[in-house]
Protein backbone atom coordinates (compact mmCIF):
# COMPACT_ATOMS: atom_id res chain seq x y z
CA MET A 1 63.84 176.03 17.81
CA GLY A 2 62.04 177.78 20.69
CA LEU A 3 58.45 177.97 21.42
CA PRO A 4 56.44 180.37 19.46
CA PRO A 5 55.62 183.60 21.33
CA VAL A 6 52.35 183.69 23.20
CA ARG A 7 50.00 185.98 21.17
CA ARG A 8 47.41 187.88 23.31
CA ASP A 9 43.82 188.12 22.20
CA PRO A 10 42.84 191.84 21.84
CA GLY A 11 39.20 190.53 21.96
CA LEU A 12 39.61 189.88 25.69
CA ASP A 13 40.39 193.63 26.32
CA VAL A 14 36.67 194.39 27.02
CA VAL A 15 36.57 191.35 29.34
CA ARG A 16 39.72 192.67 31.19
CA GLU A 17 38.07 196.13 31.68
CA LYS A 18 34.74 194.73 32.94
CA ILE A 19 36.50 192.36 35.46
CA ALA A 20 38.58 195.20 36.70
CA ASN A 21 35.32 197.12 37.44
CA GLY A 22 33.63 194.25 39.02
CA GLN A 23 31.00 194.01 36.24
CA ARG A 24 29.20 190.90 35.17
CA LEU A 25 30.21 189.12 31.95
CA THR A 26 27.75 187.99 29.32
CA LEU A 27 27.36 184.48 27.91
CA ALA A 28 28.93 185.85 24.71
CA GLU A 29 31.89 186.90 26.69
CA GLY A 30 31.93 183.56 28.44
CA ASP A 31 31.88 181.89 24.92
CA LEU A 32 35.07 183.80 24.16
CA LEU A 33 36.73 182.83 27.33
CA PHE A 34 36.12 179.08 26.37
CA THR A 35 37.30 179.45 22.78
CA THR A 36 40.15 182.03 22.57
CA PRO A 37 43.58 180.45 22.23
CA ASP A 38 44.81 182.94 24.61
CA ILE A 39 44.24 180.65 27.74
CA TRP A 40 47.02 182.54 29.56
CA THR A 41 45.12 185.77 29.85
CA VAL A 42 41.97 183.83 30.77
CA ILE A 43 43.92 182.31 33.59
CA GLU A 44 45.57 185.55 34.56
CA LEU A 45 42.21 187.27 34.68
CA ALA A 46 40.77 184.45 36.95
CA ASP A 47 43.85 184.81 39.21
CA GLN A 48 43.23 188.43 39.65
CA VAL A 49 39.69 187.96 40.69
CA ARG A 50 40.69 185.16 42.98
CA ARG A 51 43.31 187.39 44.70
CA ARG A 52 40.85 190.37 44.97
CA LEU A 53 38.55 188.24 46.93
CA HIS A 54 40.97 186.13 49.09
CA GLY A 55 44.37 187.66 48.73
CA ASN A 56 46.99 185.00 49.34
CA ALA A 57 44.85 182.77 51.27
CA ALA A 58 43.81 179.21 50.13
CA TYR A 59 41.53 177.10 52.15
CA TYR A 60 41.18 173.49 53.39
CA ASN A 61 39.28 171.58 56.12
CA VAL A 62 39.55 168.52 58.12
CA ASN A 63 36.59 166.35 57.13
CA ARG A 64 35.33 162.87 56.76
CA HIS A 65 33.14 161.57 53.93
CA LEU A 66 30.33 158.98 54.94
CA ASN A 67 28.40 157.35 52.01
CA TYR A 68 25.56 155.70 53.79
CA SER A 69 24.42 153.57 50.91
CA ASN A 70 25.16 152.90 47.30
CA VAL A 71 21.85 151.31 46.57
CA CYS A 72 19.97 153.57 44.16
CA ALA A 73 16.76 153.54 42.18
CA LEU A 74 18.33 155.58 39.43
CA SER A 75 20.57 154.37 36.71
CA CYS A 76 22.52 157.44 35.50
CA LYS A 77 24.78 156.71 32.52
CA PHE A 78 27.69 158.73 33.98
CA CYS A 79 27.62 156.86 37.43
CA GLU A 80 29.56 153.78 38.48
CA PHE A 81 28.72 154.20 42.02
CA TYR A 82 25.21 152.86 42.18
CA ARG A 83 24.11 149.41 42.83
CA LYS A 84 20.76 147.77 42.81
CA ALA A 85 19.55 146.09 46.03
CA GLY A 86 20.85 142.55 46.27
CA GLU A 87 23.69 143.24 43.70
CA ASP A 88 27.22 142.43 44.42
CA GLY A 89 28.89 145.24 46.14
CA ALA A 90 25.62 146.88 47.37
CA TYR A 91 25.71 148.18 50.95
CA THR A 92 23.67 150.21 53.41
CA ARG A 93 25.20 151.40 56.80
CA ASP A 94 23.44 150.87 60.04
CA MET A 95 23.49 153.35 62.88
CA ASP A 96 26.19 151.53 64.72
CA TYR A 97 28.45 152.05 61.64
CA VAL A 98 27.50 155.66 61.43
CA ARG A 99 28.20 156.21 65.10
CA GLN A 100 31.62 154.62 64.70
CA GLU A 101 32.39 156.87 61.83
CA ALA A 102 31.36 159.90 63.75
CA ARG A 103 33.65 158.90 66.62
CA LYS A 104 36.51 158.41 64.30
CA ALA A 105 35.89 161.84 62.75
CA VAL A 106 35.99 163.53 66.27
CA GLU A 107 39.11 161.62 67.19
CA ALA A 108 40.85 162.84 64.04
CA GLY A 109 39.91 166.37 64.83
CA ALA A 110 37.33 166.74 61.94
CA THR A 111 35.28 169.77 61.79
CA GLU A 112 32.78 168.24 59.27
CA VAL A 113 31.21 164.93 58.29
CA HIS A 114 29.94 165.08 54.63
CA SER A 115 27.34 162.33 53.94
CA VAL A 116 25.62 161.55 50.59
CA GLY A 117 24.28 158.32 49.10
CA GLY A 118 22.08 156.66 46.43
CA LEU A 119 18.25 156.96 46.42
CA HIS A 120 17.62 153.90 48.41
CA PRO A 121 14.04 152.56 47.43
CA THR A 122 13.01 151.14 50.78
CA LEU A 123 14.81 152.98 53.61
CA PRO A 124 12.20 155.02 55.70
CA PHE A 125 12.45 158.72 56.17
CA SER A 126 13.30 158.15 59.86
CA TYR A 127 16.63 156.54 58.62
CA TYR A 128 17.87 159.86 57.45
CA THR A 129 16.97 161.93 60.54
CA ASP A 130 18.44 159.28 62.61
CA LEU A 131 21.64 159.32 60.60
CA ILE A 132 22.01 163.16 61.13
CA SER A 133 21.16 163.01 64.83
CA THR A 134 23.38 159.87 65.45
CA ILE A 135 26.38 161.78 64.06
CA ARG A 136 25.63 164.94 66.15
CA ASP A 137 24.85 163.03 69.35
CA GLU A 138 28.07 161.03 69.09
CA ALA A 139 30.04 164.22 68.35
CA THR A 140 28.34 166.12 71.30
CA ARG A 141 29.06 163.31 73.65
CA LEU A 142 32.79 163.51 72.80
CA GLY A 143 32.65 167.38 73.16
CA SER A 144 32.80 168.26 69.42
CA ASP A 145 30.59 170.65 67.48
CA LEU A 146 30.89 168.51 64.34
CA HIS A 147 29.05 170.12 61.38
CA VAL A 148 27.01 167.71 59.30
CA LYS A 149 26.88 168.60 55.43
CA ALA A 150 24.57 165.97 53.95
CA PHE A 151 22.07 165.05 51.19
CA THR A 152 22.15 166.54 47.68
CA ALA A 153 19.04 168.15 46.26
CA VAL A 154 18.15 164.90 44.40
CA GLU A 155 18.26 163.12 47.79
CA ILE A 156 16.08 165.85 49.42
CA VAL A 157 13.24 165.41 46.82
CA HIS A 158 13.63 161.55 47.13
CA LEU A 159 13.13 162.05 51.01
CA ALA A 160 10.05 164.21 50.34
CA ARG A 161 8.53 161.34 48.35
CA ILE A 162 9.28 158.68 50.81
CA ALA A 163 7.96 160.90 53.59
CA LYS A 164 4.74 161.15 51.45
CA VAL A 165 4.66 164.90 51.49
CA TYR A 166 5.45 165.49 47.85
CA LYS A 167 1.83 165.34 46.69
CA GLY A 168 0.74 167.94 44.23
CA ALA A 169 4.41 168.70 43.33
CA SER A 170 4.04 167.63 39.78
CA ALA A 171 1.02 169.96 39.17
CA PRO A 172 1.74 172.53 36.41
CA GLY A 173 2.58 176.02 36.95
CA GLU A 174 2.72 177.83 40.21
CA GLU A 175 0.42 175.50 42.00
CA GLY A 176 2.94 172.67 41.59
CA ARG A 177 5.97 174.83 42.22
CA GLN A 178 4.39 175.91 45.70
CA ALA A 179 3.47 172.35 46.53
CA ARG A 180 7.04 171.21 45.80
CA ARG A 181 8.58 174.03 47.90
CA GLY A 182 6.23 173.17 50.82
CA ALA A 183 7.42 169.48 50.60
CA ILE A 184 10.99 170.46 50.52
CA ARG A 185 10.56 172.82 53.47
CA HIS A 186 8.96 170.12 55.54
CA VAL A 187 11.94 167.82 54.89
CA LEU A 188 14.67 170.34 55.37
CA SER A 189 13.14 171.57 58.52
CA ALA A 190 13.03 168.02 59.97
CA LEU A 191 16.59 167.45 58.99
CA LYS A 192 17.70 170.80 60.37
CA ALA A 193 15.94 169.96 63.69
CA ALA A 194 17.87 166.75 63.73
CA GLY A 195 21.19 168.60 63.33
CA LEU A 196 21.67 169.10 59.44
CA GLY A 197 24.11 172.16 59.09
CA SER A 198 24.27 172.61 55.32
CA LEU A 199 23.87 170.97 51.98
CA PRO A 200 26.45 169.71 49.57
CA GLY A 201 26.28 170.77 45.81
CA GLY A 202 25.91 167.39 44.06
CA GLY A 203 23.20 166.40 41.61
CA ALA A 204 23.34 169.65 39.64
CA GLU A 205 25.25 167.91 36.78
CA VAL A 206 24.54 170.18 33.86
CA PHE A 207 21.37 172.28 33.68
CA ASP A 208 20.26 171.34 30.15
CA ASP A 209 17.17 169.45 29.29
CA ARG A 210 18.84 167.55 26.43
CA VAL A 211 21.78 166.37 28.46
CA HIS A 212 19.43 165.55 31.29
CA ASP A 213 17.27 163.30 29.14
CA GLU A 214 20.26 161.51 27.57
CA ALA A 215 22.65 161.15 30.48
CA TYR A 216 20.55 161.07 33.74
CA LYS A 217 16.81 160.80 32.87
CA GLY A 218 14.68 160.23 35.90
CA LYS A 219 16.92 162.69 38.13
CA ILE A 220 15.26 166.03 38.97
CA ARG A 221 15.67 168.88 36.54
CA SER A 222 17.18 172.31 37.06
CA ASP A 223 14.15 174.07 38.36
CA VAL A 224 13.64 171.57 41.13
CA TRP A 225 17.29 171.48 42.10
CA LEU A 226 17.28 175.22 42.32
CA ASP A 227 14.05 175.17 44.43
CA VAL A 228 15.71 172.84 46.91
CA HIS A 229 18.52 175.20 47.53
CA ARG A 230 16.37 178.23 47.49
CA VAL A 231 14.26 176.83 50.35
CA ALA A 232 17.49 175.82 52.13
CA HIS A 233 18.55 179.37 51.90
CA GLU A 234 15.26 180.61 53.38
CA LEU A 235 15.79 178.19 56.29
CA ASP A 236 19.26 179.67 56.87
CA LEU A 237 21.08 176.73 55.56
CA ASN A 238 24.20 177.41 53.26
CA THR A 239 24.63 175.17 50.33
CA ASN A 240 27.14 174.55 47.60
CA ALA A 241 26.90 173.87 43.83
CA THR A 242 28.59 171.45 41.27
CA MET A 243 28.95 171.21 37.70
CA LEU A 244 29.79 167.84 35.99
CA TYR A 245 31.47 168.69 32.69
CA GLY A 246 33.38 166.82 29.89
CA HIS A 247 30.88 164.27 28.86
CA ILE A 248 28.00 165.01 26.36
CA GLU A 249 27.39 168.64 27.24
CA THR A 250 28.72 171.58 25.28
CA ARG A 251 30.77 174.50 26.59
CA HIS A 252 27.74 176.74 26.08
CA ASP A 253 25.72 174.43 28.21
CA ARG A 254 28.25 174.96 30.97
CA LEU A 255 27.89 178.75 30.66
CA VAL A 256 24.09 178.61 30.81
CA HIS A 257 24.48 176.44 34.00
CA MET A 258 26.76 179.08 35.53
CA ASP A 259 24.43 181.83 34.60
CA MET A 260 21.53 180.11 36.18
CA LEU A 261 23.58 179.60 39.38
CA ARG A 262 24.69 183.18 39.70
CA ARG A 263 21.05 184.42 39.03
CA ALA A 264 19.94 182.15 41.81
CA GLN A 265 22.75 183.58 43.99
CA ASP A 266 21.52 187.04 43.12
CA GLU A 267 18.26 186.11 44.92
CA ALA A 268 20.07 184.64 47.90
CA LEU A 269 22.29 187.74 48.31
CA ALA A 270 19.40 190.10 47.87
CA ARG A 271 17.80 188.44 50.84
CA LEU A 272 20.98 188.74 52.85
CA GLY A 273 20.88 192.43 52.21
CA TYR A 274 23.08 193.17 49.23
CA ALA A 275 22.03 195.77 46.67
CA GLY A 276 21.72 194.84 43.04
CA VAL A 277 22.64 196.76 39.94
CA ASP A 278 19.49 197.25 37.79
CA GLY A 279 20.05 196.50 34.12
CA GLU A 280 23.25 194.81 34.59
CA GLY A 281 22.95 191.07 33.65
CA THR A 282 23.86 188.82 30.80
CA GLY A 283 21.03 190.21 28.41
CA ASP A 284 21.68 187.18 26.06
CA TRP A 285 19.65 184.19 27.18
CA ALA A 286 19.76 182.13 24.00
CA LEU A 287 17.07 179.46 24.78
CA GLY A 288 15.35 179.42 21.23
CA THR A 289 11.70 179.53 20.67
CA GLY A 290 8.63 177.31 21.06
CA GLU A 291 8.74 174.21 23.21
CA GLU A 292 12.51 174.94 23.93
CA ALA A 293 11.68 178.36 25.47
CA GLU A 294 8.76 176.90 27.37
CA GLY A 295 10.57 174.02 28.99
CA HIS A 296 12.30 173.95 32.32
CA LEU A 297 15.24 176.12 31.29
CA GLY A 298 12.78 178.70 29.80
CA TYR A 299 10.89 178.94 32.95
CA VAL A 300 13.88 179.23 35.23
CA ALA A 301 15.39 181.78 32.93
CA SER A 302 12.36 184.00 32.94
CA HIS A 303 12.02 183.59 36.72
CA LEU A 304 15.59 184.44 37.53
CA ALA A 305 15.95 187.14 34.84
CA ARG A 306 13.86 189.49 37.08
CA VAL A 307 16.57 189.62 39.82
CA PRO A 308 19.04 192.51 39.54
CA ALA A 309 22.72 191.33 39.29
CA ILE A 310 24.75 191.30 42.44
CA THR A 311 28.50 190.86 42.22
CA LEU A 312 31.13 190.38 44.95
CA THR A 313 34.04 191.35 42.65
CA ARG A 314 33.59 195.10 43.04
CA PRO A 315 36.39 196.57 45.17
CA GLY A 316 35.28 196.88 48.94
CA THR A 317 32.31 194.49 48.63
CA PRO A 318 32.35 192.22 51.76
CA LEU A 319 31.97 188.47 51.20
CA PRO A 320 28.79 186.76 52.51
CA GLU A 321 30.53 184.99 55.28
CA HIS A 322 31.47 188.34 56.72
CA VAL A 323 27.79 189.54 56.57
CA ALA A 324 25.90 186.26 57.66
CA PHE A 325 27.59 186.37 61.10
CA THR A 326 26.18 189.35 62.70
CA ASN A 327 28.55 189.94 65.61
CA ALA A 328 31.10 192.76 64.85
CA GLU A 329 34.03 190.53 65.44
CA ALA A 330 33.01 188.27 62.63
CA ARG A 331 32.97 191.06 59.97
CA MET A 332 35.95 191.65 57.81
CA PRO A 333 37.99 194.32 59.42
CA ASN A 334 39.15 196.14 56.14
CA ALA A 335 36.27 195.73 53.78
CA GLY A 336 35.18 199.34 53.94
CA PRO A 337 31.81 200.53 52.40
CA SER A 338 30.25 198.52 49.60
CA PRO A 339 29.84 200.66 46.35
CA GLN A 340 26.60 198.79 45.90
CA SER A 341 24.83 200.79 48.41
CA GLN A 342 25.53 200.24 52.18
CA VAL A 343 27.27 197.30 53.78
CA PRO A 344 24.67 194.55 53.74
CA SER A 345 22.67 193.51 56.95
CA ALA A 346 21.94 190.03 57.70
CA SER A 347 18.23 190.77 59.11
CA GLY A 348 16.62 188.26 56.70
CA PRO A 349 17.40 184.86 55.62
CA ARG A 350 21.19 184.07 55.82
CA GLY A 351 21.59 181.10 53.65
CA TYR A 352 23.45 181.34 50.15
CA TYR A 353 25.76 179.49 47.86
CA GLN A 354 29.19 179.14 49.31
CA THR A 355 31.26 177.59 46.38
CA ILE A 356 31.08 176.31 42.93
CA ILE A 357 32.85 172.88 42.60
CA PRO A 358 33.42 172.05 38.80
CA LEU A 359 33.81 168.26 38.52
CA PRO A 360 35.39 166.59 35.55
CA PHE A 361 33.65 163.51 34.12
CA PHE A 362 35.67 160.31 34.50
CA PRO A 363 34.75 157.35 32.24
CA ASP A 364 35.34 154.88 35.08
CA GLY A 365 33.14 151.85 34.01
CA CYS A 366 29.96 153.78 33.51
CA ASP A 367 27.72 153.61 30.48
CA LEU A 368 29.65 156.61 29.01
CA GLU A 369 32.97 155.07 29.41
CA HIS A 370 33.52 155.26 25.75
CA LEU A 371 34.03 159.14 26.06
CA PRO A 372 37.48 160.38 26.80
CA GLY A 373 36.65 162.89 29.52
CA PRO A 374 38.13 166.51 29.62
CA SER A 375 41.72 167.01 29.01
CA GLY A 376 44.03 168.72 31.78
CA LEU A 377 43.93 172.02 29.87
CA GLU A 378 40.20 171.87 29.65
CA ASN A 379 40.01 171.50 33.41
CA TYR A 380 42.20 174.45 33.86
CA ARG A 381 40.18 176.60 31.61
CA THR A 382 36.91 175.54 33.18
CA ILE A 383 37.96 176.49 36.62
CA ALA A 384 39.21 179.84 35.29
CA VAL A 385 35.94 180.49 33.46
CA ALA A 386 33.87 179.63 36.46
CA ARG A 387 35.76 181.98 38.57
CA LEU A 388 35.16 184.75 36.09
CA MET A 389 31.62 184.01 35.33
CA LEU A 390 30.36 183.39 38.89
CA ASP A 391 31.12 186.81 40.10
CA ASN A 392 28.80 186.28 43.25
CA PHE A 393 30.12 183.08 44.45
CA PRO A 394 32.69 183.72 47.21
CA HIS A 395 34.60 180.46 46.56
CA VAL A 396 35.74 178.14 43.86
CA LYS A 397 36.86 174.77 44.88
CA ALA A 398 39.33 172.53 43.13
CA PHE A 399 38.16 169.19 44.61
CA TRP A 400 41.46 167.35 44.78
CA ILE A 401 39.89 163.88 44.64
CA MET A 402 38.69 164.45 41.10
CA GLN A 403 41.20 166.99 39.93
CA THR A 404 44.19 165.28 41.60
CA LEU A 405 46.66 166.87 43.91
CA PRO A 406 49.13 168.21 41.22
CA MET A 407 46.37 169.82 39.09
CA THR A 408 44.86 171.22 42.14
CA GLN A 409 48.10 173.15 42.81
CA VAL A 410 47.92 174.81 39.50
CA MET A 411 44.25 175.52 39.84
CA LEU A 412 45.09 177.47 42.93
CA GLN A 413 46.71 179.88 40.40
CA SER A 414 43.88 179.67 37.98
CA GLY A 415 40.99 180.91 40.09
CA ALA A 416 40.38 178.28 42.77
CA ASP A 417 40.81 179.28 46.34
CA ASP A 418 39.75 175.96 48.12
CA VAL A 419 41.13 172.45 47.85
CA ASP A 420 38.43 170.70 50.05
CA GLY A 421 39.79 168.41 52.88
CA THR A 422 41.26 165.29 54.26
CA VAL A 423 38.18 163.23 52.89
CA VAL A 424 39.33 159.83 54.27
CA TRP A 425 36.88 157.60 52.39
CA TYR A 426 35.35 158.52 49.03
CA ASP A 427 33.27 155.95 47.10
CA ILE A 428 31.52 158.04 44.45
CA THR A 429 34.47 158.31 42.03
CA LYS A 430 37.27 155.78 42.05
CA LEU A 431 40.23 157.08 40.24
CA ASN A 432 43.50 155.39 39.32
CA HIS A 433 45.48 157.54 41.62
CA ALA A 434 43.59 155.96 44.64
CA GLY A 435 45.39 152.75 44.01
CA GLN A 436 44.19 149.23 44.04
CA ASP A 437 43.89 146.45 46.69
CA GLY A 438 43.23 142.77 45.66
CA GLY A 439 42.07 143.94 41.98
CA GLU A 440 39.61 146.43 43.58
CA VAL A 441 40.02 150.18 43.32
CA LYS A 442 40.50 151.52 46.83
CA THR A 443 38.07 153.98 48.19
CA HIS A 444 40.48 155.05 50.99
CA GLN A 445 41.62 158.41 49.47
CA GLU A 446 42.96 160.11 52.61
CA VAL A 447 45.36 163.00 52.82
CA THR A 448 46.52 164.65 55.95
CA PRO A 449 46.34 168.28 56.99
CA ALA A 450 50.08 168.66 56.61
CA THR A 451 49.89 167.34 52.93
CA LEU A 452 47.32 169.86 52.10
CA GLN A 453 49.18 172.68 53.83
CA ARG A 454 52.39 171.76 51.84
CA LEU A 455 50.33 171.61 48.68
CA ILE A 456 49.04 175.03 49.15
CA ARG A 457 52.40 176.52 50.29
CA ASP A 458 54.27 174.95 47.27
CA ALA A 459 51.63 176.64 45.00
CA GLY A 460 52.53 180.05 46.52
CA PHE A 461 49.63 180.54 48.96
CA GLU A 462 49.03 180.76 52.67
CA PRO A 463 47.04 177.65 53.89
CA ILE A 464 44.10 178.58 56.03
CA GLU A 465 42.05 175.94 57.81
CA ARG A 466 38.27 176.61 57.75
CA ASP A 467 35.20 175.06 58.88
CA THR A 468 32.22 174.28 56.73
CA LEU A 469 30.99 177.95 56.79
CA TYR A 470 34.46 179.33 55.91
CA ARG A 471 35.30 180.57 59.28
CA ARG A 472 38.94 180.31 60.42
CA VAL A 473 39.75 177.41 62.67
CA VAL A 474 42.19 177.71 65.52
CA ARG A 475 43.65 174.30 66.43
CA GLU A 476 45.55 172.62 69.25
CA GLY A 477 46.16 169.14 68.02
CA ASN A 478 42.72 167.43 67.48
CA LYS A 479 40.92 170.10 69.60
CA TRP A 480 39.68 172.98 67.62
CA ARG A 481 37.56 176.16 67.78
CA VAL A 482 36.22 178.77 65.41
CA ALA A 483 38.29 182.06 65.43
CA ALA A 484 36.41 185.15 66.29
CA ALA A 485 37.12 186.74 62.84
CA VAL A 486 36.10 184.74 59.89
CA ALA A 487 38.13 183.77 56.83
CA SER A 488 40.77 186.06 55.59
CA SER A 489 41.52 189.74 56.38
CA ASN A 490 43.95 190.22 53.57
CA ARG A 491 41.48 190.68 50.86
CA ARG A 492 42.30 193.43 48.31
């Protein structure tokens, strides 16, 4: 017997129409995307948006990860990475090691070093500025403009505490919020002066107080995470965002997480010069009443709800990377005028969220290892829903380390347009596909640019090497430069 015919869900017709017009989907429509049995239409719609934004291009970069320490003051239930000081397997890298890693990155032709670690309880603030400056100085000595993407929002707050500038940040209301932002600005300014180029998206997990308190209590909550990224944007630093899913959260929790991110991106794009559409939002914040509505999510919701919706999916709307670089050569040659008022101007702060990176939970020896983790089909659906809901995020990344290379290929046809990079060493999540060495799971998880190019071509797309800011890279061997025109010019 053959397979039963695929039945299309007529309930998705309204979603299809809104996507065709570049309109924002509601949380209720997001719930439908997650629950409809017609997953093929969900993937088809995500692919339409992805091709509207990026045509046939798919991006990768040549990068190197550097985990400077796995010693951490926290004990998050989903994390197998952390160690306590003095525990077997604990490490902290010195500057000689950092310098060697920077040299290896340059020699391999990397355009980026990505560095994160645990919340080390005793390292001084100077260690972190030294780490950034050591990477940059060594790269400059070797003739490379190596970009340093480092420190999650969780780490930035930790650095503010050890730098003793976080006083008053826990005060209630606006007073505490302003003190917190001032401390974050102090830390980010010092790191930027040392050579920091952008922030990764880690530490977001899922923006839900219940999940936070059960799975990673002690970590910063959603309002603080968003404040770190907001201040970074005001300092012209681009950032990224993650979402860890498939553990104790619900699908609706994921949707609220996405909605909070796109409302925060509305703010960033408005500062970049984009015009919003008044009255077009989700309109269905479902946070309950009483203490629930007055908690962190309620506060963030009420704050971000005041920002008009800004989408990038309306035909002709330029991508932020084509606006943030002010020289005429860097703008997209065929974008045309934006229907959301004029083409934006980058006269104000230029920082914004570049990409969303949905990360599947893996029960790899952590306190939640009894959970099964998400299925492959759930991974595909979540990537697609992220592309459809996050209408103002220019990029969706399928991080091949956690999605696997074969799944990443399918995700390129399900809404993703980026596969990350060569990575080399990755110690945060140790998956079975990384192999084992002497009984220990290896953290050497390197792929070559040729492998990534073949992966992208076999999936039916054109591989485009990018730098961290999504500018095209022109390469001659291990020597590289940024092309005059950024990203892809084949957007539809």
